[in-house]
Amino acid sequence: MAKSFFGKKIVRVVLVLMVCFVLLQFIRPSLDNPPVTGDLQAPPEVKSILQRACYDCHSNETKLAWFDKPAPAYWLVAAHIKEGRALLNFSHWDSLNADQRKGKLFESLNQMVFNEMPLSQYTTFHTDARISGEDVKVLRKYLASLAPPKLADSAVIRSADDQYARWTTAARAQEVKPEPNGLAYMADYSDWKAISSTDRWDNGTMRVIMGNPVAVKAIREGHMNPWPDGTAFAKVAWKALLKPSGEVTPGEFLQVEIMLKDKDKYAATGGWGWGRWKGDQLKPYGKDASFVTECTGCHRPMHDHDLVFTSPVNWRGHAGVGADTAALQALDWKVITSRIDKSQGTMSVLYGNDLAVAAARKGKDYPLNSVLTLVTWKQKEDDHWYGANVPDSLISVEKFTFGTDTARRDWITQKASVMPK
């Protein structure tokens, strides 16, 4: 009798669940495939990888498997597709300019390298979307072909000089507006310490990464994962000017990006506030606060490093230099400029004492007792970003003190990336 009762109860529960399941199928978020306005154009071997691994969530050519269609699985799939199309849609490739297209492809590859994309919950069921080591090789080879080095001609150099002069004078005198998310521009970033530098050959830029006093203290104490609240980084980017000799110097100022750590205030965006100010007018990036999804999406692969790509330069124990006094002293100075030597595979940063920096920022000759220190590293491929090179082993530290007030600034080209307030 008891068995019969419990048996009937189980049947009723199953029937109720079946009815609920059927009713759920009528609750379906809208998910259609709008027209394709302009698809990605790429070699067949590249296109096939992206179509297989990306197009279901990042195009208007979504093809749902039978197990994607029943609710509630359908709800999750629809949400992922909506988010994916908003961040990257290969079906609207024509809406992006050439630099944006290349940038999206490099970002996509780096997401794949760090196993962030395609999503693991997607590839568990859609096994054909998995990215293999051979797929990565094919994509790396193709993307490298999109970023050939370009020599700068005299007209480009003159244009960069004119633009730089405007940035250092009029543009800096005006009030700079905050980002739509409320993050304020930090004009004192030029006095922060250099944490590292980057040769972004993927987009033809060179960058210096600065850290505020909180960041520098955290580096010296080894408290970098997570970074403490109050940490701020400024990533300053210039167009790279490649000369026939293989030397690369900063040209047109492109932008400064700032990250500010406050785990409570910015909890919704990974504990960081994000901002980008572009051009010599330092125009805030983004139409509204939603622009930060680009920042968090790009930095997602660094979730095990508190979303920070930059690894601080190691000053000790390289190439027999050790804890060189001049090198350590330079950590307390300010950056004047940086340069890259493609032919030698090196990158350098020129530091100066307060006298030297003040003269450089005013475009004047270095006065008596100005001190310059040129630190040079061997380059290596950035472990965190395919398309970039970063400092590796320390090669040399060259120190120069001006002993007369008539000494001129001809020891090294430095004007083009001075970072005044």
Foldseek 3Di string as FASTA:
>chain_A
DVVVVVVVVVVVVVVVVVVVQVVVLVDAPDDAQDAQPAADDDPPLLVVLCCLFPQLQAESPHDDDPVCRRPPSVVVSRVSSVVNNVQHYRSVLVVDDPLVNLVVLQLVLLCLVLPVGPPPVVCVPSVSNRDDPVSSVVSLVRLVVSQDDDADDPVQQVVQVVQLVLLLPVLLPDAADAAQVPHHDDLCQQFFFFFWKKCQSSNQKIKTKGKHPQQVVCVVVVNQFPRDAFIKIKIWIFRWHAHPQQKTFGGHTFKIKMWGAACVVVVVLLRIDIWMFTGSNRHTDDPHPVVSVNQSSSLVSCVRRSSDQDDGDDPADFPPCGPPPLVVVQRNFGWQTKMARRVQQKIKTKTKHPQQLVQLSVVHFRAAFIKIKIWMAHWDQRPSGSRMIIGDGTDDIDMDGDHHRPDGPPPDDGNSDRRDD
